[in-house]
Amino acid sequence: MSDIAQVRNSPESKSDRRVRADAQRSLDALLQAAKTVFAASGVDAPVREIAEKAGVGVGTLYRHFPRRSDLVAAVFRREIDFCADQAAVLAAAYPPGEALDRWIECYIDFIATKRGLAAALHSGDTAYAALPAHRNERLIPALRGLLDAAVAAGEVRSGVDAYELLNAIGSLYMTVRDEPGAEGARRMVALLVDGLRYGTARQDR
């Protein structure tokens, strides 16, 4: 047996893999719990509440995220990546127009999660410095691909800029998000998206 094979099959190596798997489960649980708590209470919510919801100790939380800002940044980076990845999933499962609509719903859910992030982003904490660029690098191409497909299918008019649309949706949602259930915000976004169909064959359906 080769040295590499021996290392891979050694009890210590298997133990290390179990430790890494347990650590990953704890990390995933913390990020999901933090997402839920932040959406309900903002990014200043008590870390103990997050740890309890994740089913881990506060010490475990601090081992993964020594500073609150590290946890906040990790949550929103994870949500940005999830939202971006959904573009390909939806494009494969639905017609172009419906895929675009469903992705925008996903993006609205992401905006709802980032309650309180605007203030954090302007706090000067270096943990947040890369988030705006990461958001643009992942979400703009994701939306652009969906828009291009919808335009090609005659579902959406041409000339819509993905960056501008992202910002317009965000501005609309944040303006009226405090209505009960945020339904008013979703209605306003739906009106905006309907405007993308002006002059297309879909408008006449």
N, C-alpha and C. Protein backbone atom coordinates (compact mmCIF):
# COMPACT_ATOMS: atom_id res chain seq x y z
N MET A 1 0.86 -1.20 0.00
CA MET A 1 0.00 0.00 0.00
C MET A 1 0.89 1.25 0.00
N SER A 2 0.54 2.22 -0.80
CA SER A 2 1.35 3.43 -0.88
C SER A 2 1.21 4.24 0.40
N ASP A 3 2.20 5.15 0.60
CA ASP A 3 2.14 6.03 1.78
C ASP A 3 0.87 6.86 1.78
N ILE A 4 0.45 7.35 0.59
CA ILE A 4 -0.75 8.18 0.49
C ILE A 4 -1.98 7.39 0.90
N ALA A 5 -2.07 6.15 0.42
CA ALA A 5 -3.21 5.31 0.76
C ALA A 5 -3.24 5.02 2.25
N GLN A 6 -2.06 4.79 2.85
CA GLN A 6 -2.02 4.54 4.28
C GLN A 6 -2.52 5.73 5.09
N VAL A 7 -2.15 6.93 4.66
CA VAL A 7 -2.60 8.13 5.35
C VAL A 7 -4.11 8.28 5.22
N ARG A 8 -4.62 8.02 4.00
CA ARG A 8 -6.05 8.18 3.76
C ARG A 8 -6.87 7.20 4.59
N ASN A 9 -6.32 5.99 4.86
CA ASN A 9 -7.06 4.96 5.54
C ASN A 9 -6.72 4.85 7.03
N SER A 10 -5.86 5.74 7.51
CA SER A 10 -5.45 5.67 8.90
C SER A 10 -6.58 6.13 9.80
N PRO A 11 -6.67 5.58 11.04
CA PRO A 11 -7.70 6.01 11.99
C PRO A 11 -7.66 7.51 12.26
N GLU A 12 -6.45 8.07 12.32
CA GLU A 12 -6.32 9.50 12.59
C GLU A 12 -6.93 10.32 11.47
N SER A 13 -6.70 9.90 10.23
CA SER A 13 -7.26 10.62 9.09
C SER A 13 -8.79 10.58 9.11
N LYS A 14 -9.37 9.42 9.41
CA LYS A 14 -10.82 9.31 9.48
C LYS A 14 -11.37 10.17 10.62
N SER A 15 -10.64 10.19 11.73
CA SER A 15 -11.06 11.03 12.86
C SER A 15 -11.05 12.50 12.47
N ASP A 16 -10.00 12.89 11.74
CA ASP A 16 -9.91 14.28 11.29
C ASP A 16 -11.09 14.64 10.39
N ARG A 17 -11.48 13.69 9.53
CA ARG A 17 -12.61 13.95 8.64
C ARG A 17 -13.90 14.11 9.43
N ARG A 18 -14.07 13.30 10.47
CA ARG A 18 -15.27 13.42 11.31
C ARG A 18 -15.30 14.78 12.01
N VAL A 19 -14.13 15.19 12.50
CA VAL A 19 -14.05 16.50 13.16
C VAL A 19 -14.40 17.62 12.18
N ARG A 20 -13.87 17.52 10.97
CA ARG A 20 -14.17 18.55 9.98
C ARG A 20 -15.65 18.55 9.61
N ALA A 21 -16.23 17.36 9.50
CA ALA A 21 -17.66 17.26 9.18
C ALA A 21 -18.50 17.86 10.30
N ASP A 22 -18.14 17.56 11.55
CA ASP A 22 -18.87 18.13 12.69
C ASP A 22 -18.73 19.65 12.71
N ALA A 23 -17.53 20.13 12.43
CA ALA A 23 -17.30 21.57 12.42
C ALA A 23 -18.12 22.24 11.32
N GLN A 24 -18.21 21.57 10.16
CA GLN A 24 -18.99 22.13 9.06
C GLN A 24 -20.47 22.17 9.40
N ARG A 25 -20.97 21.13 10.06
CA ARG A 25 -22.37 21.13 10.48
C ARG A 25 -22.65 22.25 11.45
N SER A 26 -21.74 22.46 12.40
CA SER A 26 -21.90 23.56 13.35
C SER A 26 -21.90 24.91 12.64
N LEU A 27 -20.98 25.03 11.67
CA LEU A 27 -20.89 26.27 10.92
C LEU A 27 -22.17 26.52 10.14
N ASP A 28 -22.66 25.50 9.45
CA ASP A 28 -23.89 25.65 8.67
C ASP A 28 -25.07 26.01 9.57
N ALA A 29 -25.15 25.36 10.74
CA ALA A 29 -26.24 25.64 11.67
C ALA A 29 -26.17 27.07 12.18
N LEU A 30 -24.97 27.54 12.45
CA LEU A 30 -24.80 28.91 12.93
C LEU A 30 -25.19 29.93 11.88
N LEU A 31 -24.78 29.69 10.65
CA LEU A 31 -25.10 30.64 9.57
C LEU A 31 -26.60 30.68 9.31
N GLN A 32 -27.25 29.52 9.33
CA GLN A 32 -28.69 29.49 9.11
C GLN A 32 -29.42 30.16 10.26
N ALA A 33 -28.99 29.89 11.49
CA ALA A 33 -29.62 30.52 12.66
C ALA A 33 -29.42 32.03 12.63
N ALA A 34 -28.21 32.46 12.29
CA ALA A 34 -27.92 33.89 12.24
C ALA A 34 -28.77 34.57 11.18
N LYS A 35 -28.93 33.92 10.03
CA LYS A 35 -29.78 34.47 8.97
C LYS A 35 -31.19 34.72 9.49
N THR A 36 -31.75 33.72 10.18
CA THR A 36 -33.12 33.83 10.69
C THR A 36 -33.23 34.93 11.74
N VAL A 37 -32.28 34.97 12.65
CA VAL A 37 -32.32 35.97 13.73
C VAL A 37 -32.09 37.37 13.18
N PHE A 38 -31.15 37.51 12.25
CA PHE A 38 -30.90 38.83 11.66
C PHE A 38 -32.13 39.35 10.93
N ALA A 39 -32.83 38.47 10.21
CA ALA A 39 -34.01 38.88 9.47
C ALA A 39 -35.09 39.38 10.41
N ALA A 40 -35.18 38.78 11.59
CA ALA A 40 -36.22 39.16 12.55
C ALA A 40 -35.83 40.34 13.42
N SER A 41 -34.55 40.40 13.80
CA SER A 41 -34.15 41.37 14.82
C SER A 41 -33.03 42.30 14.41
N GLY A 42 -32.48 42.13 13.21
CA GLY A 42 -31.37 42.97 12.78
C GLY A 42 -30.03 42.38 13.17
N VAL A 43 -28.96 42.94 12.65
CA VAL A 43 -27.63 42.36 12.86
C VAL A 43 -27.07 42.62 14.25
N ASP A 44 -27.76 43.41 15.08
CA ASP A 44 -27.31 43.62 16.45
C ASP A 44 -27.96 42.66 17.44
N ALA A 45 -28.64 41.65 16.94
CA ALA A 45 -29.29 40.67 17.80
C ALA A 45 -28.26 39.97 18.70
N PRO A 46 -28.65 39.55 19.89
CA PRO A 46 -27.70 38.90 20.82
C PRO A 46 -27.12 37.61 20.22
N VAL A 47 -25.82 37.43 20.37
CA VAL A 47 -25.18 36.23 19.83
C VAL A 47 -25.66 34.98 20.57
N ARG A 48 -26.04 35.12 21.83
CA ARG A 48 -26.54 33.97 22.58
C ARG A 48 -27.80 33.42 21.94
N GLU A 49 -28.66 34.31 21.46
CA GLU A 49 -29.88 33.87 20.77
C GLU A 49 -29.53 33.06 19.53
N ILE A 50 -28.52 33.50 18.80
CA ILE A 50 -28.10 32.80 17.58
C ILE A 50 -27.55 31.42 17.94
N ALA A 51 -26.70 31.37 18.95
CA ALA A 51 -26.10 30.10 19.35
C ALA A 51 -27.16 29.11 19.80
N GLU A 52 -28.12 29.58 20.60
CA GLU A 52 -29.19 28.70 21.08
C GLU A 52 -30.02 28.16 19.93
N LYS A 53 -30.31 29.02 18.97
CA LYS A 53 -31.11 28.59 17.82
C LYS A 53 -30.35 27.57 16.98
N ALA A 54 -29.03 27.69 16.94
CA ALA A 54 -28.21 26.77 16.17
C ALA A 54 -27.95 25.46 16.92
N GLY A 55 -28.25 25.45 18.23
CA GLY A 55 -28.01 24.25 19.02
C GLY A 55 -26.56 24.05 19.39
N VAL A 56 -25.82 25.15 19.50
CA VAL A 56 -24.41 25.08 19.88
C VAL A 56 -24.16 26.05 21.02
N GLY A 57 -23.00 25.93 21.63
CA GLY A 57 -22.63 26.85 22.68
C GLY A 57 -22.10 28.16 22.14
N VAL A 58 -22.13 29.18 22.97
CA VAL A 58 -21.60 30.48 22.57
C VAL A 58 -20.11 30.37 22.24
N GLY A 59 -19.42 29.50 22.97
CA GLY A 59 -17.99 29.31 22.69
C GLY A 59 -17.74 28.80 21.29
N THR A 60 -18.62 27.90 20.82
CA THR A 60 -18.49 27.40 19.45
C THR A 60 -18.69 28.52 18.45
N LEU A 61 -19.66 29.37 18.73
CA LEU A 61 -19.90 30.51 17.84
C LEU A 61 -18.65 31.38 17.75
N TYR A 62 -18.05 31.67 18.90
CA TYR A 62 -16.89 32.55 18.89
C TYR A 62 -15.65 31.89 18.29
N ARG A 63 -15.59 30.56 18.35
CA ARG A 63 -14.46 29.88 17.69
C ARG A 63 -14.54 30.06 16.18
N HIS A 64 -15.74 30.01 15.65
CA HIS A 64 -15.92 30.21 14.21
C HIS A 64 -15.83 31.69 13.83
N PHE A 65 -16.40 32.53 14.70
CA PHE A 65 -16.52 33.96 14.37
C PHE A 65 -16.11 34.79 15.59
N PRO A 66 -14.82 35.12 15.70
CA PRO A 66 -14.35 35.86 16.88
C PRO A 66 -15.04 37.21 17.05
N ARG A 67 -15.44 37.82 15.98
CA ARG A 67 -16.13 39.13 16.05
C ARG A 67 -17.52 39.01 15.44
N ARG A 68 -18.44 39.81 15.95
CA ARG A 68 -19.79 39.82 15.38
C ARG A 68 -19.74 40.14 13.89
N SER A 69 -18.89 41.06 13.51
CA SER A 69 -18.83 41.46 12.11
C SER A 69 -18.39 40.29 11.21
N ASP A 70 -17.58 39.37 11.74
CA ASP A 70 -17.19 38.19 10.96
C ASP A 70 -18.41 37.33 10.66
N LEU A 71 -19.29 37.18 11.65
CA LEU A 71 -20.51 36.39 11.47
C LEU A 71 -21.44 37.07 10.49
N VAL A 72 -21.64 38.36 10.64
CA VAL A 72 -22.51 39.11 9.73
C VAL A 72 -22.01 38.98 8.30
N ALA A 73 -20.72 39.19 8.09
CA ALA A 73 -20.16 39.10 6.74
C ALA A 73 -20.33 37.70 6.16
N ALA A 74 -20.12 36.67 6.98
CA ALA A 74 -20.25 35.29 6.50
C ALA A 74 -21.68 34.96 6.10
N VAL A 75 -22.64 35.44 6.88
CA VAL A 75 -24.06 35.19 6.57
C VAL A 75 -24.42 35.80 5.22
N PHE A 76 -24.04 37.03 5.02
CA PHE A 76 -24.45 37.70 3.79
C PHE A 76 -23.67 37.23 2.57
N ARG A 77 -22.44 36.83 2.76
CA ARG A 77 -21.70 36.23 1.65
C ARG A 77 -22.38 34.91 1.24
N ARG A 78 -22.78 34.12 2.22
CA ARG A 78 -23.47 32.85 1.95
C ARG A 78 -24.79 33.10 1.22
N GLU A 79 -25.53 34.12 1.64
CA GLU A 79 -26.82 34.41 1.01
C GLU A 79 -26.63 34.96 -0.41
N ILE A 80 -25.61 35.76 -0.62
CA ILE A 80 -25.30 36.24 -1.97
C ILE A 80 -25.01 35.06 -2.88
N ASP A 81 -24.18 34.14 -2.40
CA ASP A 81 -23.80 32.98 -3.22
C ASP A 81 -25.01 32.10 -3.52
N PHE A 82 -25.86 31.90 -2.52
CA PHE A 82 -27.06 31.08 -2.75
C PHE A 82 -27.96 31.72 -3.80
N CYS A 83 -28.18 33.02 -3.67
CA CYS A 83 -29.04 33.72 -4.63
C CYS A 83 -28.45 33.64 -6.03
N ALA A 84 -27.16 33.85 -6.16
CA ALA A 84 -26.52 33.78 -7.47
C ALA A 84 -26.64 32.39 -8.07
N ASP A 85 -26.41 31.37 -7.25
CA ASP A 85 -26.46 29.99 -7.74
C ASP A 85 -27.86 29.58 -8.18
N GLN A 86 -28.88 30.20 -7.59
CA GLN A 86 -30.25 29.87 -7.95
C GLN A 86 -30.58 30.24 -9.39
N ALA A 87 -29.86 31.16 -9.97
CA ALA A 87 -30.14 31.58 -11.34
C ALA A 87 -30.03 30.39 -12.30
N ALA A 88 -28.97 29.62 -12.18
CA ALA A 88 -28.79 28.46 -13.05
C ALA A 88 -29.82 27.38 -12.76
N VAL A 89 -30.14 27.19 -11.49
CA VAL A 89 -31.13 26.19 -11.10
C VAL A 89 -32.49 26.52 -11.69
N LEU A 90 -32.90 27.77 -11.57
CA LEU A 90 -34.21 28.19 -12.07
C LEU A 90 -34.25 28.20 -13.59
N ALA A 91 -33.16 28.62 -14.21
CA ALA A 91 -33.11 28.64 -15.67
C ALA A 91 -33.26 27.25 -16.27
N ALA A 92 -32.77 26.24 -15.54
CA ALA A 92 -32.88 24.87 -16.02
C ALA A 92 -34.26 24.27 -15.79
N ALA A 93 -35.01 24.85 -14.84
CA ALA A 93 -36.28 24.23 -14.44
C ALA A 93 -37.52 24.93 -15.01
N TYR A 94 -37.38 26.19 -15.45
CA TYR A 94 -38.56 26.96 -15.85
C TYR A 94 -38.31 27.71 -17.15
N PRO A 95 -39.39 28.11 -17.83
CA PRO A 95 -39.24 28.97 -19.01
C PRO A 95 -38.57 30.29 -18.61
N PRO A 96 -37.95 30.98 -19.55
CA PRO A 96 -37.15 32.18 -19.21
C PRO A 96 -37.89 33.23 -18.39
N GLY A 97 -39.13 33.56 -18.77
CA GLY A 97 -39.87 34.59 -18.03
C GLY A 97 -40.15 34.17 -16.61
N GLU A 98 -40.56 32.93 -16.42
CA GLU A 98 -40.86 32.44 -15.08
C GLU A 98 -39.59 32.30 -14.25
N ALA A 99 -38.51 31.87 -14.88
CA ALA A 99 -37.24 31.77 -14.16
C ALA A 99 -36.81 33.14 -13.64
N LEU A 100 -36.98 34.17 -14.46
CA LEU A 100 -36.64 35.53 -14.04
C LEU A 100 -37.51 35.96 -12.86
N ASP A 101 -38.82 35.71 -12.95
CA ASP A 101 -39.73 36.09 -11.87
C ASP A 101 -39.35 35.40 -10.56
N ARG A 102 -39.07 34.11 -10.66
CA ARG A 102 -38.75 33.35 -9.46
C ARG A 102 -37.41 33.80 -8.86
N TRP A 103 -36.46 34.16 -9.73
CA TRP A 103 -35.18 34.62 -9.21
C TRP A 103 -35.34 35.96 -8.50
N ILE A 104 -36.16 36.82 -9.03
CA ILE A 104 -36.40 38.11 -8.38
C ILE A 104 -37.02 37.89 -7.00
N GLU A 105 -37.92 36.91 -6.88
CA GLU A 105 -38.46 36.57 -5.57
C GLU A 105 -37.34 36.12 -4.63
N CYS A 106 -36.41 35.34 -5.15
CA CYS A 106 -35.27 34.90 -4.35
C CYS A 106 -34.42 36.10 -3.92
N TYR A 107 -34.24 37.03 -4.83
CA TYR A 107 -33.46 38.23 -4.51
C TYR A 107 -34.16 39.07 -3.44
N ILE A 108 -35.48 39.15 -3.51
CA ILE A 108 -36.23 39.89 -2.48
C ILE A 108 -36.05 39.22 -1.12
N ASP A 109 -36.07 37.90 -1.11
CA ASP A 109 -35.83 37.19 0.15
C ASP A 109 -34.45 37.53 0.69
N PHE A 110 -33.46 37.65 -0.19
CA PHE A 110 -32.12 38.02 0.24
C PHE A 110 -32.12 39.43 0.83
N ILE A 111 -32.81 40.36 0.19
CA ILE A 111 -32.87 41.73 0.70
C ILE A 111 -33.50 41.75 2.10
N ALA A 112 -34.54 40.95 2.28
CA ALA A 112 -35.20 40.88 3.59
C ALA A 112 -34.22 40.38 4.66
N THR A 113 -33.32 39.49 4.27
CA THR A 113 -32.34 38.94 5.20
C THR A 113 -31.34 40.00 5.64
N LYS A 114 -31.04 40.94 4.77
CA LYS A 114 -29.96 41.88 5.08
C LYS A 114 -30.43 43.12 5.84
N ARG A 115 -31.52 42.96 6.58
CA ARG A 115 -32.00 44.06 7.42
C ARG A 115 -30.87 44.53 8.34
N GLY A 116 -30.61 45.81 8.33
CA GLY A 116 -29.57 46.38 9.18
C GLY A 116 -28.19 46.36 8.57
N LEU A 117 -28.03 45.73 7.42
CA LEU A 117 -26.70 45.63 6.82
C LEU A 117 -26.20 46.97 6.31
N ALA A 118 -27.12 47.82 5.84
CA ALA A 118 -26.70 49.10 5.27
C ALA A 118 -25.86 49.89 6.26
N ALA A 119 -26.30 49.94 7.52
CA ALA A 119 -25.54 50.67 8.53
C ALA A 119 -24.20 49.99 8.78
N ALA A 120 -24.21 48.66 8.81
CA ALA A 120 -22.97 47.93 9.06
C ALA A 120 -21.95 48.19 7.96
N LEU A 121 -22.43 48.21 6.71
CA LEU A 121 -21.52 48.42 5.59
C LEU A 121 -20.81 49.76 5.65
N HIS A 122 -21.43 50.72 6.33
CA HIS A 122 -20.83 52.05 6.43
C HIS A 122 -20.18 52.28 7.79
N SER A 123 -19.96 51.19 8.54
CA SER A 123 -19.39 51.33 9.87
C SER A 123 -17.87 51.46 9.85
N GLY A 124 -17.26 51.16 8.72
CA GLY A 124 -15.81 51.20 8.64
C GLY A 124 -15.13 49.91 9.02
N ASP A 125 -15.91 48.89 9.43
CA ASP A 125 -15.33 47.59 9.80
C ASP A 125 -14.82 46.90 8.54
N THR A 126 -13.57 46.47 8.60
CA THR A 126 -12.95 45.87 7.42
C THR A 126 -13.59 44.53 7.04
N ALA A 127 -14.33 43.91 7.95
CA ALA A 127 -14.98 42.63 7.64
C ALA A 127 -16.00 42.78 6.53
N TYR A 128 -16.53 44.00 6.36
CA TYR A 128 -17.57 44.22 5.35
C TYR A 128 -17.03 44.77 4.04
N ALA A 129 -15.74 45.03 3.99
CA ALA A 129 -15.18 45.78 2.86
C ALA A 129 -15.41 45.08 1.52
N ALA A 130 -15.34 43.76 1.50
CA ALA A 130 -15.43 43.04 0.23
C ALA A 130 -16.86 42.69 -0.17
N LEU A 131 -17.84 42.93 0.70
CA LEU A 131 -19.20 42.48 0.41
C LEU A 131 -19.84 43.17 -0.80
N PRO A 132 -19.76 44.50 -0.93
CA PRO A 132 -20.39 45.12 -2.10
C PRO A 132 -19.84 44.60 -3.43
N ALA A 133 -18.53 44.43 -3.51
CA ALA A 133 -17.94 43.92 -4.75
C ALA A 133 -18.36 42.47 -4.98
N HIS A 134 -18.43 41.69 -3.92
CA HIS A 134 -18.84 40.29 -4.06
C HIS A 134 -20.29 40.21 -4.53
N ARG A 135 -21.12 41.08 -4.00
CA ARG A 135 -22.53 41.13 -4.43
C ARG A 135 -22.62 41.41 -5.92
N ASN A 136 -21.88 42.39 -6.38
CA ASN A 136 -21.92 42.74 -7.80
C ASN A 136 -21.34 41.64 -8.68
N GLU A 137 -20.24 41.05 -8.23
CA GLU A 137 -19.58 40.01 -9.03
C GLU A 137 -20.45 38.77 -9.19
N ARG A 138 -21.26 38.46 -8.19
CA ARG A 138 -22.08 37.25 -8.26
C ARG A 138 -23.49 37.53 -8.80
N LEU A 139 -24.14 38.59 -8.33
CA LEU A 139 -25.55 38.77 -8.66
C LEU A 139 -25.79 39.43 -10.02
N ILE A 140 -24.93 40.35 -10.41
CA ILE A 140 -25.15 41.01 -11.70
C ILE A 140 -25.07 40.02 -12.87
N PRO A 141 -24.02 39.19 -12.95
CA PRO A 141 -24.01 38.20 -14.05
C PRO A 141 -25.18 37.22 -13.97
N ALA A 142 -25.59 36.85 -12.76
CA ALA A 142 -26.71 35.92 -12.60
C ALA A 142 -27.98 36.52 -13.19
N LEU A 143 -28.26 37.77 -12.83
CA LEU A 143 -29.46 38.43 -13.35
C LEU A 143 -29.33 38.72 -14.84
N ARG A 144 -28.15 39.10 -15.28
CA ARG A 144 -27.96 39.41 -16.70
C ARG A 144 -28.27 38.18 -17.56
N GLY A 145 -27.83 37.01 -17.13
CA GLY A 145 -28.11 35.80 -17.88
C GLY A 145 -29.59 35.51 -17.98
N LEU A 146 -30.32 35.71 -16.89
CA LEU A 146 -31.77 35.50 -16.91
C LEU A 146 -32.47 36.52 -17.79
N LEU A 147 -32.02 37.76 -17.72
CA LEU A 147 -32.61 38.81 -18.56
C LEU A 147 -32.37 38.51 -20.04
N ASP A 148 -31.16 38.12 -20.39
CA ASP A 148 -30.84 37.82 -21.79
C ASP A 148 -31.72 36.70 -22.32
N ALA A 149 -31.93 35.68 -21.51
CA ALA A 149 -32.77 34.56 -21.93
C ALA A 149 -34.22 35.00 -22.10
N ALA A 150 -34.68 35.84 -21.18
CA ALA A 150 -36.06 36.33 -21.26
C ALA A 150 -36.26 37.25 -22.46
N VAL A 151 -35.25 38.05 -22.78
CA VAL A 151 -35.32 38.91 -23.97
C VAL A 151 -35.38 38.05 -25.23
N ALA A 152 -34.53 37.05 -25.29
CA ALA A 152 -34.49 36.17 -26.46
C ALA A 152 -35.80 35.43 -26.65
N ALA A 153 -36.50 35.16 -25.56
CA ALA A 153 -37.78 34.46 -25.63
C ALA A 153 -38.96 35.41 -25.85
N GLY A 154 -38.68 36.71 -25.95
CA GLY A 154 -39.75 37.68 -26.14
C GLY A 154 -40.56 37.96 -24.89
N GLU A 155 -39.99 37.61 -23.71
CA GLU A 155 -40.69 37.79 -22.45
C GLU A 155 -40.42 39.15 -21.81
N VAL A 156 -39.29 39.74 -22.16
CA VAL A 156 -38.86 41.00 -21.55
C VAL A 156 -38.29 41.88 -22.64
N ARG A 157 -38.52 43.18 -22.55
CA ARG A 157 -37.96 44.09 -23.56
C ARG A 157 -36.45 44.18 -23.40
N SER A 158 -35.80 44.52 -24.46
CA SER A 158 -34.34 44.63 -24.44
C SER A 158 -33.91 45.95 -23.80
N GLY A 159 -32.63 46.05 -23.52
CA GLY A 159 -32.08 47.30 -23.00
C GLY A 159 -32.17 47.46 -21.50
N VAL A 160 -32.55 46.41 -20.77
CA VAL A 160 -32.64 46.50 -19.31
C VAL A 160 -31.26 46.20 -18.72
N ASP A 161 -30.76 47.09 -17.91
CA ASP A 161 -29.45 46.92 -17.30
C ASP A 161 -29.58 46.15 -15.99
N ALA A 162 -28.84 45.06 -15.85
CA ALA A 162 -28.97 44.20 -14.67
C ALA A 162 -28.60 44.94 -13.39
N TYR A 163 -27.55 45.74 -13.41
CA TYR A 163 -27.14 46.48 -12.22
C TYR A 163 -28.22 47.47 -11.80
N GLU A 164 -28.77 48.18 -12.75
CA GLU A 164 -29.81 49.15 -12.43
C GLU A 164 -31.07 48.47 -11.90
N LEU A 165 -31.41 47.31 -12.48
CA LEU A 165 -32.59 46.59 -12.02
C LEU A 165 -32.40 46.09 -10.59
N LEU A 166 -31.23 45.55 -10.28
CA LEU A 166 -30.96 45.12 -8.91
C LEU A 166 -31.15 46.26 -7.92
N ASN A 167 -30.59 47.41 -8.26
CA ASN A 167 -30.69 48.56 -7.36
C ASN A 167 -32.12 49.07 -7.25
N ALA A 168 -32.86 49.04 -8.36
CA ALA A 168 -34.25 49.50 -8.33
C ALA A 168 -35.10 48.59 -7.44
N ILE A 169 -34.91 47.30 -7.58
CA ILE A 169 -35.66 46.36 -6.73
C ILE A 169 -35.31 46.57 -5.27
N GLY A 170 -34.03 46.72 -4.98
CA GLY A 170 -33.60 46.95 -3.61
C GLY A 170 -34.17 48.23 -3.03
N SER A 171 -34.16 49.30 -3.81
CA SER A 171 -34.69 50.58 -3.33
C SER A 171 -36.18 50.50 -3.06
N LEU A 172 -36.92 49.87 -3.97
CA LEU A 172 -38.36 49.73 -3.77
C LEU A 172 -38.67 48.92 -2.52
N TYR A 173 -37.96 47.82 -2.36
CA TYR A 173 -38.25 46.94 -1.23
C TYR A 173 -37.92 47.63 0.08
N MET A 174 -36.78 48.29 0.16
CA MET A 174 -36.38 48.91 1.42
C MET A 174 -37.27 50.09 1.77
N THR A 175 -37.87 50.74 0.76
CA THR A 175 -38.72 51.90 1.02
C THR A 175 -40.01 51.51 1.73
N VAL A 176 -40.60 50.38 1.35
CA VAL A 176 -41.92 50.01 1.90
C VAL A 176 -41.88 48.67 2.62
N ARG A 177 -40.71 48.26 3.08
CA ARG A 177 -40.57 46.93 3.68
C ARG A 177 -41.29 46.81 5.01
N ASP A 178 -41.60 47.93 5.68
CA ASP A 178 -42.17 47.85 7.02
C ASP A 178 -43.68 47.65 7.02
N GLU A 179 -44.30 47.57 5.84
CA GLU A 179 -45.72 47.20 5.80
C GLU A 179 -45.87 45.80 6.38
N PRO A 180 -47.03 45.51 7.01
CA PRO A 180 -47.23 44.17 7.56
C PRO A 180 -46.98 43.10 6.50
N GLY A 181 -46.08 42.18 6.83
CA GLY A 181 -45.77 41.08 5.92
C GLY A 181 -44.96 41.49 4.71
N ALA A 182 -44.59 42.76 4.63
CA ALA A 182 -43.80 43.27 3.50
C ALA A 182 -44.49 43.00 2.17
N GLU A 183 -45.81 42.78 2.19
CA GLU A 183 -46.52 42.50 0.95
C GLU A 183 -46.55 43.72 0.04
N GLY A 184 -46.61 44.91 0.64
CA GLY A 184 -46.59 46.13 -0.16
C GLY A 184 -45.33 46.24 -0.98
N ALA A 185 -44.20 45.87 -0.38
CA ALA A 185 -42.93 45.91 -1.09
C ALA A 185 -42.93 44.95 -2.27
N ARG A 186 -43.44 43.77 -2.05
CA ARG A 186 -43.48 42.78 -3.13
C ARG A 186 -44.41 43.23 -4.25
N ARG A 187 -45.51 43.90 -3.90
CA ARG A 187 -46.42 44.40 -4.95
C ARG A 187 -45.73 45.47 -5.79
N MET A 188 -44.97 46.34 -5.14
CA MET A 188 -44.27 47.38 -5.88
C MET A 188 -43.21 46.78 -6.82
N VAL A 189 -42.52 45.77 -6.33
CA VAL A 189 -41.52 45.11 -7.18
C VAL A 189 -42.20 44.41 -8.35
N ALA A 190 -43.38 43.81 -8.09
CA ALA A 190 -44.11 43.14 -9.18
C ALA A 190 -44.52 44.14 -10.25
N LEU A 191 -44.90 45.34 -9.86
CA LEU A 191 -45.24 46.37 -10.84
C LEU A 191 -44.01 46.77 -11.66
N LEU A 192 -42.88 46.87 -10.99
CA LEU A 192 -41.64 47.19 -11.70
C LEU A 192 -41.32 46.11 -12.73
N VAL A 193 -41.43 44.86 -12.34
CA VAL A 193 -41.11 43.76 -13.25
C VAL A 193 -42.10 43.72 -14.40
N ASP A 194 -43.37 44.02 -14.12
CA ASP A 194 -44.36 44.09 -15.21
C ASP A 194 -43.94 45.11 -16.27
N GLY A 195 -43.31 46.19 -15.81
CA GLY A 195 -42.85 47.21 -16.75
C GLY A 195 -41.79 46.71 -17.70
N LEU A 196 -41.07 45.66 -17.32
CA LEU A 196 -40.05 45.09 -18.20
C LEU A 196 -40.69 44.43 -19.42
N ARG A 197 -41.96 44.13 -19.32
CA ARG A 197 -42.64 43.41 -20.40
C ARG A 197 -43.35 44.36 -21.36
N TYR A 198 -43.25 45.65 -21.12
CA TYR A 198 -43.91 46.62 -21.98
C TYR A 198 -43.37 46.50 -23.41
N GLY A 199 -44.27 46.36 -24.36
CA GLY A 199 -43.89 46.28 -25.75
C GLY A 199 -43.49 44.90 -26.22
N THR A 200 -43.66 43.88 -25.36
CA THR A 200 -43.32 42.51 -25.76
C THR A 200 -44.59 41.73 -26.06
N ALA A 201 -44.40 40.57 -26.67
CA ALA A 201 -45.56 39.72 -26.99
C ALA A 201 -46.26 39.29 -25.71
N ARG A 202 -45.54 39.11 -24.62
CA ARG A 202 -46.15 38.67 -23.38
C ARG A 202 -47.16 39.66 -22.86
N GLN A 203 -46.92 40.96 -23.12
CA GLN A 203 -47.82 42.01 -22.64
C GLN A 203 -49.24 41.82 -23.18
N ASP A 204 -49.35 41.25 -24.35
CA ASP A 204 -50.66 41.12 -24.99
C ASP A 204 -51.38 39.82 -24.62
N ARG A 205 -50.75 39.00 -23.78
CA ARG A 205 -51.36 37.73 -23.44
C ARG A 205 -52.49 37.90 -22.44
